[in-house]
Amino acid sequence: MKIFFVILMLTFFPEAVKAQEKQPPAREVTLEGAFNFRDVGGYATTEYRRLSMGKLYRAGDISNLTDADIEEMKRRKIYTVVDFRSENEIAAAPDKLPPGADYLSLPAGTGNPADFFKEYTSGLEAMTAFYSDVSVFREKYRPFFRKVLLLPDSSAMVFHCSAGKDRTGIAAALLLYALDIPMETILTDYVATNYFNREKNEKMTDWLMNEHDVDRKMAAEILDANPLYLETAFNAIKKQYGSIELFLYREIGIDEAVKSRLREKFLQ
């Protein structure tokens, strides 16, 4: 019921969401050559513990980092990078990384977006189809969770895709869920992308319209971090596995012992 209420508010009272988005979250990391780069920490769990800051970051494209950005990553000890982009995206814009960074590419299920969008008549239809396809979640997110578990205590991680919204958004949502963060908070973290990507989305709208013959309404729906999309993914998981917990256990390998390790590692 709470989740339905949050979605109802976000869908029918967008002005309330916009008012919240005017204030950038304190976890924002301002870099010259990146966007939607932010600390995933600081959120409270259902048991009133708090996710440590300075350990886990999410981001959009990081192929244009400046020397100053690299120094900032080094200052924050971000030496592990997980890249959810396709092989074509990586070839066109390889990540810029701190020297000696541990890099993991996880392109499973990432095809050509132009071909994907042609199959649908609306952005809403396209995005709900994308989020409801859980067939690649094991291949994409099991290695991600393994990397999270093996993260050295003395360093931090950033995981990203091109926009930091969809592939990254699902990864963040599953991770936060495993760490016992309430669903309302998970949705809030997801929707925050609309604030961080607001300038980038203007350019992306033009790109989708000019390069892929997508109309403005469809482009807006594709670029939107609509909570309905994330709910679609969670509902698809529940439909196939019965619960998020069973999915995390069967496909990701998160049993009670691993959950305890995750929570002791990242919760205060």
C-alpha atoms as a PDB file:
ATOM      1  CA  MET A   1       0.000   0.000   0.000  1.00  0.00           C
ATOM      2  CA  LYS A   2       2.863   2.411   0.838  1.00  0.00           C
ATOM      3  CA  ILE A   3       4.559   1.729  -2.486  1.00  0.00           C
ATOM      4  CA  PHE A   4       1.288   2.331  -4.338  1.00  0.00           C
ATOM      5  CA  PHE A   5       0.874   5.640  -2.495  1.00  0.00           C
ATOM      6  CA  VAL A   6       4.395   6.772  -3.457  1.00  0.00           C
ATOM      7  CA  ILE A   7       3.783   5.905  -7.107  1.00  0.00           C
ATOM      8  CA  LEU A   8       0.398   7.638  -6.997  1.00  0.00           C
ATOM      9  CA  MET A   9       1.999  10.808  -5.649  1.00  0.00           C
ATOM     10  CA  LEU A  10       4.793  10.754  -8.205  1.00  0.00           C
ATOM     11  CA  THR A  11       2.405  10.127 -11.074  1.00  0.00           C
ATOM     12  CA  PHE A  12      -0.419  12.534 -10.261  1.00  0.00           C
ATOM     13  CA  PHE A  13       1.383  15.198  -8.242  1.00  0.00           C
ATOM     14  CA  PRO A  14       4.582  15.816 -10.237  1.00  0.00           C
ATOM     15  CA  GLU A  15       4.884  19.357  -8.896  1.00  0.00           C
ATOM     16  CA  ALA A  16       5.606  17.953  -5.445  1.00  0.00           C
ATOM     17  CA  VAL A  17       8.411  15.894  -6.931  1.00  0.00           C
ATOM     18  CA  LYS A  18       9.795  18.916  -8.807  1.00  0.00           C
ATOM     19  CA  ALA A  19       9.802  20.921  -5.595  1.00  0.00           C
ATOM     20  CA  GLN A  20      11.924  18.258  -3.916  1.00  0.00           C
ATOM     21  CA  GLU A  21      14.238  18.034  -6.923  1.00  0.00           C
ATOM     22  CA  LYS A  22      15.109  21.739  -6.639  1.00  0.00           C
ATOM     23  CA  GLN A  23      17.315  20.875  -3.675  1.00  0.00           C
ATOM     24  CA  PRO A  24      20.273  18.721  -4.769  1.00  0.00           C
ATOM     25  CA  PRO A  25      20.928  15.805  -2.401  1.00  0.00           C
ATOM     26  CA  ALA A  26      23.995  16.263  -0.207  1.00  0.00           C
ATOM     27  CA  ARG A  27      25.489  13.060  -1.624  1.00  0.00           C
ATOM     28  CA  GLU A  28      26.145  14.663  -5.039  1.00  0.00           C
ATOM     29  CA  VAL A  29      29.730  14.404  -6.329  1.00  0.00           C
ATOM     30  CA  THR A  30      30.453  17.347  -8.630  1.00  0.00           C
ATOM     31  CA  LEU A  31      32.896  16.455 -11.405  1.00  0.00           C
ATOM     32  CA  GLU A  32      33.816  18.370 -14.543  1.00  0.00           C
ATOM     33  CA  GLY A  33      33.496  15.423 -16.924  1.00  0.00           C
ATOM     34  CA  ALA A  34      30.687  13.334 -15.428  1.00  0.00           C
ATOM     35  CA  PHE A  35      27.051  13.625 -14.427  1.00  0.00           C
ATOM     36  CA  ASN A  36      24.644  11.819 -12.095  1.00  0.00           C
ATOM     37  CA  PHE A  37      27.656  10.861  -9.984  1.00  0.00           C
ATOM     38  CA  ARG A  38      26.529  10.426  -6.386  1.00  0.00           C
ATOM     39  CA  ASP A  39      27.120   8.620  -3.141  1.00  0.00           C
ATOM     40  CA  VAL A  40      24.621   5.828  -2.499  1.00  0.00           C
ATOM     41  CA  GLY A  41      25.288   6.068   1.232  1.00  0.00           C
ATOM     42  CA  GLY A  42      23.437   7.891   3.966  1.00  0.00           C
ATOM     43  CA  TYR A  43      20.128   6.048   3.669  1.00  0.00           C
ATOM     44  CA  ALA A  44      18.490   4.574   6.785  1.00  0.00           C
ATOM     45  CA  THR A  45      17.431   0.948   6.979  1.00  0.00           C
ATOM     46  CA  THR A  46      14.180  -0.403   8.397  1.00  0.00           C
ATOM     47  CA  GLU A  47      16.145  -1.218  11.569  1.00  0.00           C
ATOM     48  CA  TYR A  48      17.435   2.360  11.961  1.00  0.00           C
ATOM     49  CA  ARG A  49      20.965   1.596  10.858  1.00  0.00           C
ATOM     50  CA  ARG A  50      22.508   3.774   8.168  1.00  0.00           C
ATOM     51  CA  LEU A  51      24.348   2.956   4.961  1.00  0.00           C
ATOM     52  CA  SER A  52      27.929   4.226   5.197  1.00  0.00           C
ATOM     53  CA  MET A  53      28.888   7.084   2.926  1.00  0.00           C
ATOM     54  CA  GLY A  54      32.082   7.168   0.901  1.00  0.00           C
ATOM     55  CA  LYS A  55      31.959   3.475  -0.085  1.00  0.00           C
ATOM     56  CA  LEU A  56      29.431   3.004  -2.907  1.00  0.00           C
ATOM     57  CA  TYR A  57      28.797   5.449  -5.748  1.00  0.00           C
ATOM     58  CA  ARG A  58      26.540   5.377  -8.814  1.00  0.00           C
ATOM     59  CA  ALA A  59      27.023   7.406 -11.996  1.00  0.00           C
ATOM     60  CA  GLY A  60      26.354   7.990 -15.649  1.00  0.00           C
ATOM     61  CA  ASP A  61      29.061   8.051 -18.325  1.00  0.00           C
ATOM     62  CA  ILE A  62      32.597   8.562 -16.963  1.00  0.00           C
ATOM     63  CA  SER A  63      34.471   8.544 -20.271  1.00  0.00           C
ATOM     64  CA  ASN A  64      35.131  12.302 -20.155  1.00  0.00           C
ATOM     65  CA  LEU A  65      36.708  12.654 -16.745  1.00  0.00           C
ATOM     66  CA  THR A  66      39.334  15.373 -16.450  1.00  0.00           C
ATOM     67  CA  ASP A  67      42.630  15.083 -14.622  1.00  0.00           C
ATOM     68  CA  ALA A  68      41.017  16.962 -11.744  1.00  0.00           C
ATOM     69  CA  ASP A  69      38.156  14.430 -11.723  1.00  0.00           C
ATOM     70  CA  ILE A  70      40.617  11.557 -11.550  1.00  0.00           C
ATOM     71  CA  GLU A  71      42.312  13.236  -8.605  1.00  0.00           C
ATOM     72  CA  GLU A  72      38.925  13.570  -6.899  1.00  0.00           C
ATOM     73  CA  MET A  73      38.243   9.857  -7.438  1.00  0.00           C
ATOM     74  CA  LYS A  74      41.653   9.066  -5.969  1.00  0.00           C
ATOM     75  CA  ARG A  75      40.896  11.326  -3.005  1.00  0.00           C
ATOM     76  CA  ARG A  76      37.688   9.390  -2.431  1.00  0.00           C
ATOM     77  CA  LYS A  77      39.603   6.104  -2.898  1.00  0.00           C
ATOM     78  CA  ILE A  78      37.340   5.002  -5.775  1.00  0.00           C
ATOM     79  CA  TYR A  79      39.478   2.247  -7.270  1.00  0.00           C
ATOM     80  CA  THR A  80      36.781  -0.262  -8.279  1.00  0.00           C
ATOM     81  CA  VAL A  81      34.621   0.461 -11.357  1.00  0.00           C
ATOM     82  CA  VAL A  82      31.711  -1.644 -12.630  1.00  0.00           C
ATOM     83  CA  ASP A  83      30.531  -0.756 -16.135  1.00  0.00           C
ATOM     84  CA  PHE A  84      27.056  -1.919 -17.253  1.00  0.00           C
ATOM     85  CA  ARG A  85      27.290  -0.482 -20.789  1.00  0.00           C
ATOM     86  CA  SER A  86      27.272  -2.508 -23.996  1.00  0.00           C
ATOM     87  CA  GLU A  87      30.470  -3.457 -25.799  1.00  0.00           C
ATOM     88  CA  ASN A  88      29.652  -0.895 -28.514  1.00  0.00           C
ATOM     89  CA  GLU A  89      29.184   1.859 -25.942  1.00  0.00           C
ATOM     90  CA  ILE A  90      32.479   0.979 -24.288  1.00  0.00           C
ATOM     91  CA  ALA A  91      34.341   0.904 -27.605  1.00  0.00           C
ATOM     92  CA  ALA A  92      32.972   4.334 -28.535  1.00  0.00           C
ATOM     93  CA  ALA A  93      33.672   5.926 -25.143  1.00  0.00           C
ATOM     94  CA  PRO A  94      35.972   3.905 -22.859  1.00  0.00           C
ATOM     95  CA  ASP A  95      36.029   4.828 -19.192  1.00  0.00           C
ATOM     96  CA  LYS A  96      38.756   7.061 -17.851  1.00  0.00           C
ATOM     97  CA  LEU A  97      40.045   5.441 -14.699  1.00  0.00           C
ATOM     98  CA  PRO A  98      42.439   6.137 -11.841  1.00  0.00           C
ATOM     99  CA  PRO A  99      45.760   4.303 -12.263  1.00  0.00           C
ATOM    100  CA  GLY A 100      45.510   0.716 -11.074  1.00  0.00           C
ATOM    101  CA  ALA A 101      41.706   0.705 -10.919  1.00  0.00           C
ATOM    102  CA  ASP A 102      39.904  -2.638 -10.782  1.00  0.00           C
ATOM    103  CA  TYR A 103      37.551  -2.544 -13.804  1.00  0.00           C
ATOM    104  CA  LEU A 104      34.666  -4.961 -14.473  1.00  0.00           C
ATOM    105  CA  SER A 105      32.535  -4.879 -17.638  1.00  0.00           C
ATOM    106  CA  LEU A 106      29.033  -6.393 -17.366  1.00  0.00           C
ATOM    107  CA  PRO A 107      27.263  -5.783 -20.704  1.00  0.00           C
ATOM    108  CA  ALA A 108      24.756  -8.662 -20.432  1.00  0.00           C
ATOM    109  CA  GLY A 109      21.406  -7.877 -22.023  1.00  0.00           C
ATOM    110  CA  THR A 110      22.491  -4.534 -23.417  1.00  0.00           C
ATOM    111  CA  GLY A 111      21.737  -4.368 -27.118  1.00  0.00           C
ATOM    112  CA  ASN A 112      21.395  -1.551 -29.623  1.00  0.00           C
ATOM    113  CA  PRO A 113      18.923   0.975 -28.133  1.00  0.00           C
ATOM    114  CA  ALA A 114      17.948   2.238 -31.598  1.00  0.00           C
ATOM    115  CA  ASP A 115      16.742  -1.209 -32.610  1.00  0.00           C
ATOM    116  CA  PHE A 116      14.999  -1.660 -29.274  1.00  0.00           C
ATOM    117  CA  PHE A 117      13.010   1.573 -29.470  1.00  0.00           C
ATOM    118  CA  LYS A 118      11.779   0.782 -32.998  1.00  0.00           C
ATOM    119  CA  GLU A 119       9.742  -2.102 -31.596  1.00  0.00           C
ATOM    120  CA  TYR A 120       7.454   0.176 -29.570  1.00  0.00           C
ATOM    121  CA  THR A 121       5.045   3.030 -30.180  1.00  0.00           C
ATOM    122  CA  SER A 122       5.700   4.880 -26.910  1.00  0.00           C
ATOM    123  CA  GLY A 123       8.550   5.411 -24.522  1.00  0.00           C
ATOM    124  CA  LEU A 124       6.414   4.156 -21.637  1.00  0.00           C
ATOM    125  CA  GLU A 125       5.805   0.882 -23.466  1.00  0.00           C
ATOM    126  CA  ALA A 126       9.487   0.532 -24.359  1.00  0.00           C
ATOM    127  CA  MET A 127      10.761   1.196 -20.856  1.00  0.00           C
ATOM    128  CA  THR A 128       8.289  -1.060 -19.084  1.00  0.00           C
ATOM    129  CA  ALA A 129       9.268  -3.824 -21.530  1.00  0.00           C
ATOM    130  CA  PHE A 130      12.947  -3.229 -20.740  1.00  0.00           C
ATOM    131  CA  TYR A 131      12.417  -3.286 -16.979  1.00  0.00           C
ATOM    132  CA  SER A 132      10.187  -6.366 -17.058  1.00  0.00           C
ATOM    133  CA  ASP A 133      12.856  -8.510 -18.777  1.00  0.00           C
ATOM    134  CA  VAL A 134      14.587 -10.159 -15.817  1.00  0.00           C
ATOM    135  CA  SER A 135      16.210 -12.889 -17.932  1.00  0.00           C
ATOM    136  CA  VAL A 136      19.607 -11.146 -17.901  1.00  0.00           C
ATOM    137  CA  PHE A 137      19.588 -10.086 -14.267  1.00  0.00           C
ATOM    138  CA  ARG A 138      21.604 -13.089 -13.059  1.00  0.00           C
ATOM    139  CA  GLU A 139      24.376 -12.631 -15.617  1.00  0.00           C
ATOM    140  CA  LYS A 140      24.536  -8.877 -15.100  1.00  0.00           C
ATOM    141  CA  TYR A 141      24.042  -8.462 -11.363  1.00  0.00           C
ATOM    142  CA  ARG A 142      25.453 -11.624  -9.746  1.00  0.00           C
ATOM    143  CA  PRO A 143      29.069 -10.599 -10.620  1.00  0.00           C
ATOM    144  CA  PHE A 144      28.229  -7.062  -9.490  1.00  0.00           C
ATOM    145  CA  PHE A 145      27.200  -8.250  -6.032  1.00  0.00           C
ATOM    146  CA  ARG A 146      30.304 -10.436  -5.848  1.00  0.00           C
ATOM    147  CA  LYS A 147      32.448  -7.391  -6.559  1.00  0.00           C
ATOM    148  CA  VAL A 148      30.588  -5.415  -3.884  1.00  0.00           C
ATOM    149  CA  LEU A 149      31.219  -8.159  -1.329  1.00  0.00           C
ATOM    150  CA  LEU A 150      34.928  -8.275  -2.200  1.00  0.00           C
ATOM    151  CA  LEU A 151      35.400  -4.505  -2.075  1.00  0.00           C
ATOM    152  CA  PRO A 152      38.414  -3.767   0.147  1.00  0.00           C
ATOM    153  CA  ASP A 153      37.548  -1.921   3.331  1.00  0.00           C
ATOM    154  CA  SER A 154      40.116   0.728   2.439  1.00  0.00           C
ATOM    155  CA  SER A 155      38.587   1.675  -0.933  1.00  0.00           C
ATOM    156  CA  ALA A 156      35.315   2.581  -2.673  1.00  0.00           C
ATOM    157  CA  MET A 157      33.397   1.579  -5.806  1.00  0.00           C
ATOM    158  CA  VAL A 158      31.459   3.311  -8.563  1.00  0.00           C
ATOM    159  CA  PHE A 159      29.022   1.433 -10.807  1.00  0.00           C
ATOM    160  CA  HIS A 160      27.618   3.099 -13.891  1.00  0.00           C
ATOM    161  CA  CYS A 161      26.100   2.922 -17.369  1.00  0.00           C
ATOM    162  CA  SER A 162      25.566   5.686 -19.947  1.00  0.00           C
ATOM    163  CA  ALA A 163      22.871   7.699 -18.174  1.00  0.00           C
ATOM    164  CA  GLY A 164      23.125   6.178 -14.711  1.00  0.00           C
ATOM    165  CA  LYS A 165      19.366   5.563 -14.787  1.00  0.00           C
ATOM    166  CA  ASP A 166      18.260   2.138 -16.013  1.00  0.00           C
ATOM    167  CA  ARG A 167      20.981  -0.497 -15.738  1.00  0.00           C
ATOM    168  CA  THR A 168      22.597   1.399 -12.882  1.00  0.00           C
ATOM    169  CA  GLY A 169      19.200   2.154 -11.349  1.00  0.00           C
ATOM    170  CA  ILE A 170      18.265  -1.521 -11.164  1.00  0.00           C
ATOM    171  CA  ALA A 171      21.671  -2.384  -9.668  1.00  0.00           C
ATOM    172  CA  ALA A 172      21.296   0.326  -7.022  1.00  0.00           C
ATOM    173  CA  ALA A 173      17.743  -0.740  -6.216  1.00  0.00           C
ATOM    174  CA  LEU A 174      18.677  -4.408  -5.746  1.00  0.00           C
ATOM    175  CA  LEU A 175      21.696  -3.490  -3.641  1.00  0.00           C
ATOM    176  CA  LEU A 176      19.700  -1.127  -1.434  1.00  0.00           C
ATOM    177  CA  TYR A 177      16.988  -3.764  -1.045  1.00  0.00           C
ATOM    178  CA  ALA A 178      19.562  -6.366   0.023  1.00  0.00           C
ATOM    179  CA  LEU A 179      20.858  -3.852   2.568  1.00  0.00           C
ATOM    180  CA  ASP A 180      17.373  -3.506   4.063  1.00  0.00           C
ATOM    181  CA  ILE A 181      16.653  -0.001   2.771  1.00  0.00           C
ATOM    182  CA  PRO A 182      12.863   0.693   2.602  1.00  0.00           C
ATOM    183  CA  MET A 183      11.221   0.633  -0.818  1.00  0.00           C
ATOM    184  CA  GLU A 184      10.088   4.246  -0.471  1.00  0.00           C
ATOM    185  CA  THR A 185      13.739   5.277  -0.120  1.00  0.00           C
ATOM    186  CA  ILE A 186      14.786   3.087  -3.045  1.00  0.00           C
ATOM    187  CA  LEU A 187      12.226   4.846  -5.231  1.00  0.00           C
ATOM    188  CA  THR A 188      13.447   8.226  -4.014  1.00  0.00           C
ATOM    189  CA  ASP A 189      17.032   7.350  -4.953  1.00  0.00           C
ATOM    190  CA  TYR A 190      15.865   6.219  -8.389  1.00  0.00           C
ATOM    191  CA  VAL A 191      13.759   9.328  -9.091  1.00  0.00           C
ATOM    192  CA  ALA A 192      16.670  11.593  -8.059  1.00  0.00           C
ATOM    193  CA  THR A 193      18.184  10.848 -11.481  1.00  0.00           C
ATOM    194  CA  ASN A 194      15.645  13.304 -12.926  1.00  0.00           C
ATOM    195  CA  TYR A 195      17.381  16.058 -10.970  1.00  0.00           C
ATOM    196  CA  PHE A 196      20.938  15.023 -11.767  1.00  0.00           C
ATOM    197  CA  ASN A 197      20.261  14.395 -15.471  1.00  0.00           C
ATOM    198  CA  ARG A 198      18.099  17.434 -16.140  1.00  0.00           C
ATOM    199  CA  GLU A 199      20.702  19.222 -18.306  1.00  0.00           C
ATOM    200  CA  LYS A 200      21.996  16.065 -19.968  1.00  0.00           C
ATOM    201  CA  ASN A 201      18.464  15.013 -20.891  1.00  0.00           C
ATOM    202  CA  GLU A 202      17.972  18.135 -22.992  1.00  0.00           C
ATOM    203  CA  LYS A 203      20.871  17.066 -25.210  1.00  0.00           C
ATOM    204  CA  MET A 204      19.757  13.434 -25.168  1.00  0.00           C
ATOM    205  CA  THR A 205      16.272  14.430 -26.300  1.00  0.00           C
ATOM    206  CA  ASP A 206      17.723  16.124 -29.377  1.00  0.00           C
ATOM    207  CA  TRP A 207      19.952  13.109 -30.022  1.00  0.00           C
ATOM    208  CA  LEU A 208      17.049  10.647 -29.880  1.00  0.00           C
ATOM    209  CA  MET A 209      14.935  12.846 -32.131  1.00  0.00           C
ATOM    210  CA  ASN A 210      17.645  13.555 -34.719  1.00  0.00           C
ATOM    211  CA  GLU A 211      19.578  10.283 -34.752  1.00  0.00           C
ATOM    212  CA  HIS A 212      16.841   7.753 -34.070  1.00  0.00           C
ATOM    213  CA  ASP A 213      13.676   9.466 -35.331  1.00  0.00           C
ATOM    214  CA  VAL A 214      12.033   9.381 -31.898  1.00  0.00           C
ATOM    215  CA  ASP A 215       9.377  12.028 -31.259  1.00  0.00           C
ATOM    216  CA  ARG A 216       9.729  14.407 -28.310  1.00  0.00           C
ATOM    217  CA  LYS A 217       7.092  12.732 -26.118  1.00  0.00           C
ATOM    218  CA  MET A 218       8.614   9.303 -26.596  1.00  0.00           C
ATOM    219  CA  ALA A 219      12.096  10.694 -25.910  1.00  0.00           C
ATOM    220  CA  ALA A 220      10.885  12.279 -22.669  1.00  0.00           C
ATOM    221  CA  GLU A 221       9.361   8.978 -21.525  1.00  0.00           C
ATOM    222  CA  ILE A 222      12.552   7.086 -22.370  1.00  0.00           C
ATOM    223  CA  LEU A 223      14.737   9.514 -20.430  1.00  0.00           C
ATOM    224  CA  ASP A 224      12.396   9.846 -17.460  1.00  0.00           C
ATOM    225  CA  ALA A 225      13.246   8.073 -14.201  1.00  0.00           C
ATOM    226  CA  ASN A 226       9.609   7.122 -13.730  1.00  0.00           C
ATOM    227  CA  PRO A 227       9.097   5.081 -10.523  1.00  0.00           C
ATOM    228  CA  LEU A 228       6.668   2.932 -12.492  1.00  0.00           C
ATOM    229  CA  TYR A 229       9.656   1.532 -14.405  1.00  0.00           C
ATOM    230  CA  LEU A 230      11.473   0.351 -11.308  1.00  0.00           C
ATOM    231  CA  GLU A 231       8.250  -1.036  -9.865  1.00  0.00           C
ATOM    232  CA  THR A 232       7.822  -2.976 -13.122  1.00  0.00           C
ATOM    233  CA  ALA A 233      11.173  -4.688 -12.550  1.00  0.00           C
ATOM    234  CA  PHE A 234      10.338  -5.586  -8.955  1.00  0.00           C
ATOM    235  CA  ASN A 235       6.897  -6.865  -9.937  1.00  0.00           C
ATOM    236  CA  ALA A 236       8.392  -8.994 -12.733  1.00  0.00           C
ATOM    237  CA  ILE A 237      10.818 -10.506 -10.223  1.00  0.00           C
ATOM    238  CA  LYS A 238       8.001 -11.242  -7.777  1.00  0.00           C
ATOM    239  CA  LYS A 239       5.879 -12.802 -10.517  1.00  0.00           C
ATOM    240  CA  GLN A 240       8.674 -15.147 -11.610  1.00  0.00           C
ATOM    241  CA  TYR A 241      10.280 -15.965  -8.257  1.00  0.00           C
ATOM    242  CA  GLY A 242       7.562 -15.307  -5.700  1.00  0.00           C
ATOM    243  CA  SER A 243       9.558 -12.671  -3.821  1.00  0.00           C
ATOM    244  CA  ILE A 244      12.596 -10.420  -4.134  1.00  0.00           C
ATOM    245  CA  GLU A 245      14.294 -12.457  -1.397  1.00  0.00           C
ATOM    246  CA  LEU A 246      13.955 -15.699  -3.399  1.00  0.00           C
ATOM    247  CA  PHE A 247      15.317 -13.995  -6.512  1.00  0.00           C
ATOM    248  CA  LEU A 248      18.313 -12.656  -4.591  1.00  0.00           C
ATOM    249  CA  TYR A 249      18.954 -16.127  -3.176  1.00  0.00           C
ATOM    250  CA  ARG A 250      18.482 -18.188  -6.343  1.00  0.00           C
ATOM    251  CA  GLU A 251      19.965 -15.902  -8.972  1.00  0.00           C
ATOM    252  CA  ILE A 252      22.330 -13.579  -7.107  1.00  0.00           C
ATOM    253  CA  GLY A 253      23.474 -15.929  -4.326  1.00  0.00           C
ATOM    254  CA  ILE A 254      22.366 -13.708  -1.456  1.00  0.00           C
ATOM    255  CA  ASP A 255      21.437 -16.009   1.429  1.00  0.00           C
ATOM    256  CA  GLU A 256      21.117 -14.956   5.064  1.00  0.00           C
ATOM    257  CA  ALA A 257      24.837 -15.351   5.693  1.00  0.00           C
ATOM    258  CA  VAL A 258      25.716 -13.151   2.714  1.00  0.00           C
ATOM    259  CA  LYS A 259      23.100 -10.591   3.737  1.00  0.00           C
ATOM    260  CA  SER A 260      24.727 -10.395   7.150  1.00  0.00           C
ATOM    261  CA  ARG A 261      28.157  -9.890   5.551  1.00  0.00           C
ATOM    262  CA  LEU A 262      26.794  -7.126   3.323  1.00  0.00           C
ATOM    263  CA  ARG A 263      25.107  -5.344   6.197  1.00  0.00           C
ATOM    264  CA  GLU A 264      28.089  -5.605   8.515  1.00  0.00           C
ATOM    265  CA  LYS A 265      30.335  -4.338   5.736  1.00  0.00           C
ATOM    266  CA  PHE A 266      28.264  -1.302   4.711  1.00  0.00           C
ATOM    267  CA  LEU A 267      25.879  -0.400   7.531  1.00  0.00           C
ATOM    268  CA  GLN A 268      26.679   1.706  10.556  1.00  0.00           C
END
